């Protein structure tokens, strides 16, 4: 499985989301920004991301580290990195 495949699955499964995925073919890191995360706990957000990947988490993807953000959280995080 390639990073672009995971990105596509996440962005298709969570409409309006933007995902950035890096990894080595079995271990991946994903940063996901989605308005759909508003009002949800981090656990609920991560479950939404995992749901987009289905059974691939048990076969093609050995490990996935997720950072999830609402658009507002993402804007705040970007500002903190700039200053």
PDB file of N, CA and C in Angstrom:
ATOM      1  N   UNK A   1       0.848  -1.173   0.000  1.00  0.00           N
ATOM      2  CA  UNK A   1       0.000   0.000   0.000  1.00  0.00           C
ATOM      3  C   UNK A   1       0.894   1.237   0.000  1.00  0.00           C
ATOM      4  N   UNK A   2       0.517   2.190  -0.823  1.00  0.00           N
ATOM      5  CA  UNK A   2       1.281   3.429  -0.961  1.00  0.00           C
ATOM      6  C   UNK A   2       0.600   4.561  -0.183  1.00  0.00           C
ATOM      7  N   UNK A   3       1.379   5.581   0.141  1.00  0.00           N
ATOM      8  CA  UNK A   3       0.849   6.744   0.860  1.00  0.00           C
ATOM      9  C   UNK A   3      -0.324   7.372   0.114  1.00  0.00           C
ATOM     10  N   UNK A   4      -0.209   7.483  -1.206  1.00  0.00           N
ATOM     11  CA  UNK A   4      -1.286   8.086  -2.004  1.00  0.00           C
ATOM     12  C   UNK A   4      -2.572   7.275  -1.927  1.00  0.00           C
ATOM     13  N   UNK A   5      -2.451   5.944  -1.816  1.00  0.00           N
ATOM     14  CA  UNK A   5      -3.640   5.095  -1.686  1.00  0.00           C
ATOM     15  C   UNK A   5      -4.378   5.401  -0.383  1.00  0.00           C
ATOM     16  N   UNK A   6      -3.618   5.528   0.698  1.00  0.00           N
ATOM     17  CA  UNK A   6      -4.223   5.813   2.001  1.00  0.00           C
ATOM     18  C   UNK A   6      -4.851   7.199   1.987  1.00  0.00           C
ATOM     19  N   UNK A   7      -4.140   8.170   1.438  1.00  0.00           N
ATOM     20  CA  UNK A   7      -4.664   9.537   1.322  1.00  0.00           C
ATOM     21  C   UNK A   7      -6.004   9.527   0.590  1.00  0.00           C
ATOM     22  N   UNK A   8      -6.052   8.831  -0.526  1.00  0.00           N
ATOM     23  CA  UNK A   8      -7.282   8.761  -1.332  1.00  0.00           C
ATOM     24  C   UNK A   8      -8.424   8.117  -0.548  1.00  0.00           C
ATOM     25  N   UNK A   9      -8.135   7.023   0.164  1.00  0.00           N
ATOM     26  CA  UNK A   9      -9.170   6.340   0.944  1.00  0.00           C
ATOM     27  C   UNK A   9      -9.725   7.240   2.046  1.00  0.00           C
ATOM     28  N   UNK A  10      -8.844   7.954   2.733  1.00  0.00           N
ATOM     29  CA  UNK A  10      -9.286   8.836   3.810  1.00  0.00           C
ATOM     30  C   UNK A  10     -10.118   9.983   3.246  1.00  0.00           C
ATOM     31  N   UNK A  11      -9.611  10.629   2.206  1.00  0.00           N
ATOM     32  CA  UNK A  11     -10.318  11.784   1.644  1.00  0.00           C
ATOM     33  C   UNK A  11     -11.640  11.392   0.995  1.00  0.00           C
ATOM     34  N   UNK A  12     -11.722  10.191   0.477  1.00  0.00           N
ATOM     35  CA  UNK A  12     -12.985   9.696  -0.090  1.00  0.00           C
ATOM     36  C   UNK A  12     -13.961   9.331   1.025  1.00  0.00           C
ATOM     37  N   UNK A  13     -13.434   8.719   2.076  1.00  0.00           N
ATOM     38  CA  UNK A  13     -14.276   8.250   3.183  1.00  0.00           C
ATOM     39  C   UNK A  13     -14.766   9.350   4.100  1.00  0.00           C
ATOM     40  N   UNK A  14     -14.016  10.464   4.170  1.00  0.00           N
ATOM     41  CA  UNK A  14     -14.421  11.608   4.980  1.00  0.00           C
ATOM     42  C   UNK A  14     -14.519  12.797   4.026  1.00  0.00           C
ATOM     43  N   UNK A  15     -15.679  13.004   3.432  1.00  0.00           N
ATOM     44  CA  UNK A  15     -15.839  14.067   2.435  1.00  0.00           C
ATOM     45  C   UNK A  15     -15.394  15.433   2.965  1.00  0.00           C
ATOM     46  N   UNK A  16     -14.664  16.154   2.131  1.00  0.00           N
ATOM     47  CA  UNK A  16     -14.189  17.478   2.496  1.00  0.00           C
ATOM     48  C   UNK A  16     -12.910  17.482   3.310  1.00  0.00           C
ATOM     49  N   UNK A  17     -12.368  16.306   3.593  1.00  0.00           N
ATOM     50  CA  UNK A  17     -11.139  16.233   4.399  1.00  0.00           C
ATOM     51  C   UNK A  17      -9.908  16.416   3.525  1.00  0.00           C
ATOM     52  N   UNK A  18      -8.820  16.784   4.187  1.00  0.00           N
ATOM     53  CA  UNK A  18      -7.513  16.838   3.542  1.00  0.00           C
ATOM     54  C   UNK A  18      -6.577  15.981   4.364  1.00  0.00           C
ATOM     55  N   UNK A  19      -5.879  15.066   3.711  1.00  0.00           N
ATOM     56  CA  UNK A  19      -4.966  14.173   4.408  1.00  0.00           C
ATOM     57  C   UNK A  19      -3.565  14.300   3.834  1.00  0.00           C
ATOM     58  N   UNK A  20      -2.593  14.253   4.721  1.00  0.00           N
ATOM     59  CA  UNK A  20      -1.191  14.193   4.334  1.00  0.00           C
ATOM     60  C   UNK A  20      -0.652  12.906   4.935  1.00  0.00           C
ATOM     61  N   UNK A  21      -0.157  12.005   4.101  1.00  0.00           N
ATOM     62  CA  UNK A  21       0.281  10.691   4.564  1.00  0.00           C
ATOM     63  C   UNK A  21       1.729  10.451   4.166  1.00  0.00           C
ATOM     64  N   UNK A  22       2.522  10.007   5.125  1.00  0.00           N
ATOM     65  CA  UNK A  22       3.900   9.608   4.867  1.00  0.00           C
ATOM     66  C   UNK A  22       4.083   8.205   5.407  1.00  0.00           C
ATOM     67  N   UNK A  23       5.105   7.512   4.910  1.00  0.00           N
ATOM     68  CA  UNK A  23       5.359   6.170   5.421  1.00  0.00           C
ATOM     69  C   UNK A  23       6.279   5.373   4.531  1.00  0.00           C
ATOM     70  N   UNK A  24       6.513   4.137   4.970  1.00  0.00           N
ATOM     71  CA  UNK A  24       7.486   3.274   4.295  1.00  0.00           C
ATOM     72  C   UNK A  24       6.863   2.065   3.600  1.00  0.00           C
ATOM     73  N   UNK A  25       5.553   2.030   3.504  1.00  0.00           N
ATOM     74  CA  UNK A  25       4.907   0.906   2.844  1.00  0.00           C
ATOM     75  C   UNK A  25       4.126   0.020   3.798  1.00  0.00           C
ATOM     76  N   UNK A  26       4.499   0.022   5.093  1.00  0.00           N
ATOM     77  CA  UNK A  26       3.736  -0.715   6.103  1.00  0.00           C
ATOM     78  C   UNK A  26       3.454   0.134   7.337  1.00  0.00           C
ATOM     79  N   UNK A  27       4.341   1.071   7.655  1.00  0.00           N
ATOM     80  CA  UNK A  27       4.170   1.990   8.783  1.00  0.00           C
ATOM     81  C   UNK A  27       3.915   3.390   8.223  1.00  0.00           C
ATOM     82  N   UNK A  28       2.820   4.007   8.674  1.00  0.00           N
ATOM     83  CA  UNK A  28       2.414   5.289   8.107  1.00  0.00           C
ATOM     84  C   UNK A  28       2.076   6.298   9.193  1.00  0.00           C
ATOM     85  N   UNK A  29       2.157   7.578   8.810  1.00  0.00           N
ATOM     86  CA  UNK A  29       1.691   8.687   9.643  1.00  0.00           C
ATOM     87  C   UNK A  29       0.736   9.512   8.793  1.00  0.00           C
ATOM     88  N   UNK A  30      -0.402   9.861   9.376  1.00  0.00           N
ATOM     89  CA  UNK A  30      -1.401  10.651   8.644  1.00  0.00           C
ATOM     90  C   UNK A  30      -1.816  11.854   9.475  1.00  0.00           C
ATOM     91  N   UNK A  31      -1.813  13.023   8.843  1.00  0.00           N
ATOM     92  CA  UNK A  31      -2.411  14.223   9.411  1.00  0.00           C
ATOM     93  C   UNK A  31      -3.678  14.474   8.611  1.00  0.00           C
ATOM     94  N   UNK A  32      -4.797  14.568   9.313  1.00  0.00           N
ATOM     95  CA  UNK A  32      -6.091  14.698   8.640  1.00  0.00           C
ATOM     96  C   UNK A  32      -6.838  15.906   9.200  1.00  0.00           C
ATOM     97  N   UNK A  33      -7.267  16.773   8.298  1.00  0.00           N
ATOM     98  CA  UNK A  33      -8.052  17.959   8.657  1.00  0.00           C
ATOM     99  C   UNK A  33      -9.452  17.778   8.084  1.00  0.00           C
ATOM    100  N   UNK A  34     -10.463  17.883   8.953  1.00  0.00           N
ATOM    101  CA  UNK A  34     -11.840  17.692   8.471  1.00  0.00           C
ATOM    102  C   UNK A  34     -12.835  18.430   9.355  1.00  0.00           C
ATOM    103  N   UNK A  35     -13.755  19.117   8.720  1.00  0.00           N
ATOM    104  CA  UNK A  35     -14.843  19.762   9.456  1.00  0.00           C
ATOM    105  C   UNK A  35     -15.707  18.714  10.155  1.00  0.00           C
ATOM    106  N   UNK A  36     -15.728  17.512   9.615  1.00  0.00           N
ATOM    107  CA  UNK A  36     -16.527  16.427  10.204  1.00  0.00           C
ATOM    108  C   UNK A  36     -16.043  16.050  11.609  1.00  0.00           C
ATOM    109  N   UNK A  37     -14.839  16.488  11.982  1.00  0.00           N
ATOM    110  CA  UNK A  37     -14.304  16.200  13.313  1.00  0.00           C
ATOM    111  C   UNK A  37     -14.850  17.139  14.388  1.00  0.00           C
ATOM    112  N   UNK A  38     -15.508  18.229  13.973  1.00  0.00           N
ATOM    113  CA  UNK A  38     -16.046  19.200  14.935  1.00  0.00           C
ATOM    114  C   UNK A  38     -16.959  18.504  15.944  1.00  0.00           C
ATOM    115  N   UNK A  39     -16.718  18.774  17.228  1.00  0.00           N
ATOM    116  CA  UNK A  39     -17.562  18.236  18.288  1.00  0.00           C
ATOM    117  C   UNK A  39     -17.302  16.788  18.645  1.00  0.00           C
ATOM    118  N   UNK A  40     -16.314  16.179  18.016  1.00  0.00           N
ATOM    119  CA  UNK A  40     -16.014  14.776  18.278  1.00  0.00           C
ATOM    120  C   UNK A  40     -14.730  14.668  19.114  1.00  0.00           C
ATOM    121  N   UNK A  41     -14.656  13.644  19.946  1.00  0.00           N
ATOM    122  CA  UNK A  41     -13.448  13.413  20.726  1.00  0.00           C
ATOM    123  C   UNK A  41     -12.339  12.916  19.794  1.00  0.00           C
ATOM    124  N   UNK A  42     -11.108  12.959  20.277  1.00  0.00           N
ATOM    125  CA  UNK A  42      -9.995  12.471  19.472  1.00  0.00           C
ATOM    126  C   UNK A  42     -10.201  10.995  19.114  1.00  0.00           C
ATOM    127  N   UNK A  43     -10.699  10.219  20.058  1.00  0.00           N
ATOM    128  CA  UNK A  43     -10.953   8.805  19.800  1.00  0.00           C
ATOM    129  C   UNK A  43     -11.978   8.635  18.675  1.00  0.00           C
ATOM    130  N   UNK A  44     -13.051   9.421  18.708  1.00  0.00           N
ATOM    131  CA  UNK A  44     -14.061   9.344  17.650  1.00  0.00           C
ATOM    132  C   UNK A  44     -13.481   9.756  16.297  1.00  0.00           C
ATOM    133  N   UNK A  45     -12.638  10.770  16.296  1.00  0.00           N
ATOM    134  CA  UNK A  45     -11.992  11.212  15.063  1.00  0.00           C
ATOM    135  C   UNK A  45     -11.119  10.107  14.486  1.00  0.00           C
ATOM    136  N   UNK A  46     -10.326   9.473  15.340  1.00  0.00           N
ATOM    137  CA  UNK A  46      -9.436   8.409  14.874  1.00  0.00           C
ATOM    138  C   UNK A  46     -10.228   7.211  14.376  1.00  0.00           C
ATOM    139  N   UNK A  47     -11.324   6.907  15.025  1.00  0.00           N
ATOM    140  CA  UNK A  47     -12.187   5.809  14.560  1.00  0.00           C
ATOM    141  C   UNK A  47     -12.734   6.108  13.169  1.00  0.00           C
ATOM    142  N   UNK A  48     -13.070   7.382  12.928  1.00  0.00           N
ATOM    143  CA  UNK A  48     -13.552   7.765  11.599  1.00  0.00           C
ATOM    144  C   UNK A  48     -12.474   7.505  10.548  1.00  0.00           C
ATOM    145  N   UNK A  49     -11.240   7.849  10.873  1.00  0.00           N
ATOM    146  CA  UNK A  49     -10.135   7.628   9.928  1.00  0.00           C
ATOM    147  C   UNK A  49      -9.928   6.131   9.712  1.00  0.00           C
ATOM    148  N   UNK A  50      -9.851   5.366  10.795  1.00  0.00           N
ATOM    149  CA  UNK A  50      -9.667   3.916  10.663  1.00  0.00           C
ATOM    150  C   UNK A  50     -10.784   3.282   9.841  1.00  0.00           C
ATOM    151  N   UNK A  51     -12.004   3.778  10.001  1.00  0.00           N
ATOM    152  CA  UNK A  51     -13.141   3.216   9.259  1.00  0.00           C
ATOM    153  C   UNK A  51     -12.961   3.371   7.755  1.00  0.00           C
ATOM    154  N   UNK A  52     -12.277   4.437   7.320  1.00  0.00           N
ATOM    155  CA  UNK A  52     -12.068   4.635   5.885  1.00  0.00           C
ATOM    156  C   UNK A  52     -11.118   3.597   5.302  1.00  0.00           C
ATOM    157  N   UNK A  53     -10.316   2.964   6.159  1.00  0.00           N
ATOM    158  CA  UNK A  53      -9.303   2.009   5.694  1.00  0.00           C
ATOM    159  C   UNK A  53      -9.776   0.563   5.765  1.00  0.00           C
ATOM    160  N   UNK A  54     -10.858   0.328   6.485  1.00  0.00           N
ATOM    161  CA  UNK A  54     -11.453  -1.003   6.545  1.00  0.00           C
ATOM    162  C   UNK A  54     -10.480  -2.091   6.943  1.00  0.00           C
ATOM    163  N   UNK A  55     -10.558  -3.220   6.253  1.00  0.00           N
ATOM    164  CA  UNK A  55      -9.740  -4.392   6.570  1.00  0.00           C
ATOM    165  C   UNK A  55      -8.264  -4.212   6.264  1.00  0.00           C
ATOM    166  N   UNK A  56      -7.920  -3.152   5.567  1.00  0.00           N
ATOM    167  CA  UNK A  56      -6.510  -2.924   5.229  1.00  0.00           C
ATOM    168  C   UNK A  56      -5.651  -2.759   6.478  1.00  0.00           C
ATOM    169  N   UNK A  57      -6.267  -2.329   7.580  1.00  0.00           N
ATOM    170  CA  UNK A  57      -5.521  -2.167   8.835  1.00  0.00           C
ATOM    171  C   UNK A  57      -5.066  -3.522   9.376  1.00  0.00           C
ATOM    172  N   UNK A  58      -5.691  -4.570   8.958  1.00  0.00           N
ATOM    173  CA  UNK A  58      -5.313  -5.890   9.447  1.00  0.00           C
ATOM    174  C   UNK A  58      -4.449  -6.651   8.453  1.00  0.00           C
ATOM    175  N   UNK A  59      -4.275  -6.089   7.262  1.00  0.00           N
ATOM    176  CA  UNK A  59      -3.488  -6.819   6.265  1.00  0.00           C
ATOM    177  C   UNK A  59      -2.368  -5.964   5.685  1.00  0.00           C
ATOM    178  N   UNK A  60      -2.707  -4.898   4.973  1.00  0.00           N
ATOM    179  CA  UNK A  60      -1.703  -4.132   4.236  1.00  0.00           C
ATOM    180  C   UNK A  60      -1.003  -3.057   5.059  1.00  0.00           C
ATOM    181  N   UNK A  61      -1.653  -2.584   6.108  1.00  0.00           N
ATOM    182  CA  UNK A  61      -1.087  -1.507   6.920  1.00  0.00           C
ATOM    183  C   UNK A  61      -0.737  -2.076   8.286  1.00  0.00           C
ATOM    184  N   UNK A  62       0.549  -2.074   8.600  1.00  0.00           N
ATOM    185  CA  UNK A  62       0.981  -2.627   9.886  1.00  0.00           C
ATOM    186  C   UNK A  62       0.735  -1.637  11.020  1.00  0.00           C
ATOM    187  N   UNK A  63       1.023  -0.354  10.782  1.00  0.00           N
ATOM    188  CA  UNK A  63       0.842   0.666  11.822  1.00  0.00           C
ATOM    189  C   UNK A  63       0.470   2.000  11.183  1.00  0.00           C
ATOM    190  N   UNK A  64      -0.400   2.742  11.873  1.00  0.00           N
ATOM    191  CA  UNK A  64      -0.809   4.057  11.405  1.00  0.00           C
ATOM    192  C   UNK A  64      -0.886   4.995  12.599  1.00  0.00           C
ATOM    193  N   UNK A  65      -0.112   6.053  12.547  1.00  0.00           N
ATOM    194  CA  UNK A  65      -0.163   7.113  13.552  1.00  0.00           C
ATOM    195  C   UNK A  65      -1.016   8.235  12.966  1.00  0.00           C
ATOM    196  N   UNK A  66      -2.014   8.691  13.734  1.00  0.00           N
ATOM    197  CA  UNK A  66      -2.951   9.696  13.225  1.00  0.00           C
ATOM    198  C   UNK A  66      -2.860  10.973  14.055  1.00  0.00           C
ATOM    199  N   UNK A  67      -2.822  12.085  13.338  1.00  0.00           N
ATOM    200  CA  UNK A  67      -3.012  13.400  13.941  1.00  0.00           C
ATOM    201  C   UNK A  67      -4.243  13.987  13.264  1.00  0.00           C
ATOM    202  N   UNK A  68      -5.283  14.243  14.043  1.00  0.00           N
ATOM    203  CA  UNK A  68      -6.529  14.746  13.459  1.00  0.00           C
ATOM    204  C   UNK A  68      -6.803  16.155  13.966  1.00  0.00           C
ATOM    205  N   UNK A  69      -7.333  16.969  13.070  1.00  0.00           N
ATOM    206  CA  UNK A  69      -7.597  18.374  13.374  1.00  0.00           C
ATOM    207  C   UNK A  69      -8.924  18.814  12.759  1.00  0.00           C
ATOM    208  N   UNK A  70      -9.606  19.693  13.461  1.00  0.00           N
ATOM    209  CA  UNK A  70     -10.687  20.431  12.821  1.00  0.00           C
ATOM    210  C   UNK A  70     -10.001  21.557  12.038  1.00  0.00           C
ATOM    211  N   UNK A  71     -10.691  22.198  11.111  1.00  0.00           N
ATOM    212  CA  UNK A  71     -10.052  23.315  10.392  1.00  0.00           C
ATOM    213  C   UNK A  71      -9.545  24.417  11.336  1.00  0.00           C
ATOM    214  N   UNK A  72     -10.290  24.701  12.390  1.00  0.00           N
ATOM    215  CA  UNK A  72      -9.869  25.731  13.351  1.00  0.00           C
ATOM    216  C   UNK A  72      -8.597  25.297  14.081  1.00  0.00           C
ATOM    217  N   UNK A  73      -8.543  24.035  14.517  1.00  0.00           N
ATOM    218  CA  UNK A  73      -7.347  23.521  15.186  1.00  0.00           C
ATOM    219  C   UNK A  73      -6.145  23.545  14.245  1.00  0.00           C
ATOM    220  N   UNK A  74      -6.382  23.218  12.983  1.00  0.00           N
ATOM    221  CA  UNK A  74      -5.305  23.209  11.998  1.00  0.00           C
ATOM    222  C   UNK A  74      -4.741  24.619  11.798  1.00  0.00           C
ATOM    223  N   UNK A  75      -5.625  25.608  11.705  1.00  0.00           N
ATOM    224  CA  UNK A  75      -5.182  27.000  11.565  1.00  0.00           C
ATOM    225  C   UNK A  75      -4.344  27.424  12.772  1.00  0.00           C
ATOM    226  N   UNK A  76      -4.790  27.055  13.962  1.00  0.00           N
ATOM    227  CA  UNK A  76      -4.038  27.382  15.173  1.00  0.00           C
ATOM    228  C   UNK A  76      -2.674  26.702  15.180  1.00  0.00           C
ATOM    229  N   UNK A  77      -2.625  25.441  14.808  1.00  0.00           N
ATOM    230  CA  UNK A  77      -1.364  24.697  14.787  1.00  0.00           C
ATOM    231  C   UNK A  77      -0.398  25.309  13.780  1.00  0.00           C
ATOM    232  N   UNK A  78      -0.898  25.705  12.634  1.00  0.00           N
ATOM    233  CA  UNK A  78      -0.038  26.319  11.611  1.00  0.00           C
ATOM    234  C   UNK A  78       0.512  27.652  12.095  1.00  0.00           C
ATOM    235  N   UNK A  79      -0.317  28.453  12.766  1.00  0.00           N
ATOM    236  CA  UNK A  79       0.158  29.735  13.291  1.00  0.00           C
ATOM    237  C   UNK A  79       1.258  29.532  14.322  1.00  0.00           C
ATOM    238  N   UNK A  80       1.100  28.541  15.177  1.00  0.00           N
ATOM    239  CA  UNK A  80       2.111  28.273  16.203  1.00  0.00           C
ATOM    240  C   UNK A  80       3.435  27.839  15.590  1.00  0.00           C
ATOM    241  N   UNK A  81       3.401  27.141  14.491  1.00  0.00           N
ATOM    242  CA  UNK A  81       4.629  26.699  13.824  1.00  0.00           C
ATOM    243  C   UNK A  81       5.334  27.841  13.108  1.00  0.00           C
ATOM    244  N   UNK A  82       4.547  28.847  12.695  1.00  0.00           N
ATOM    245  CA  UNK A  82       5.116  29.960  11.933  1.00  0.00           C
ATOM    246  C   UNK A  82       5.813  30.947  12.855  1.00  0.00           C
ATOM    247  N   UNK A  83       5.259  31.200  14.024  1.00  0.00           N
ATOM    248  CA  UNK A  83       5.827  32.212  14.916  1.00  0.00           C
ATOM    249  C   UNK A  83       6.836  31.654  15.874  1.00  0.00           C
TER     250      UNK A  83
END
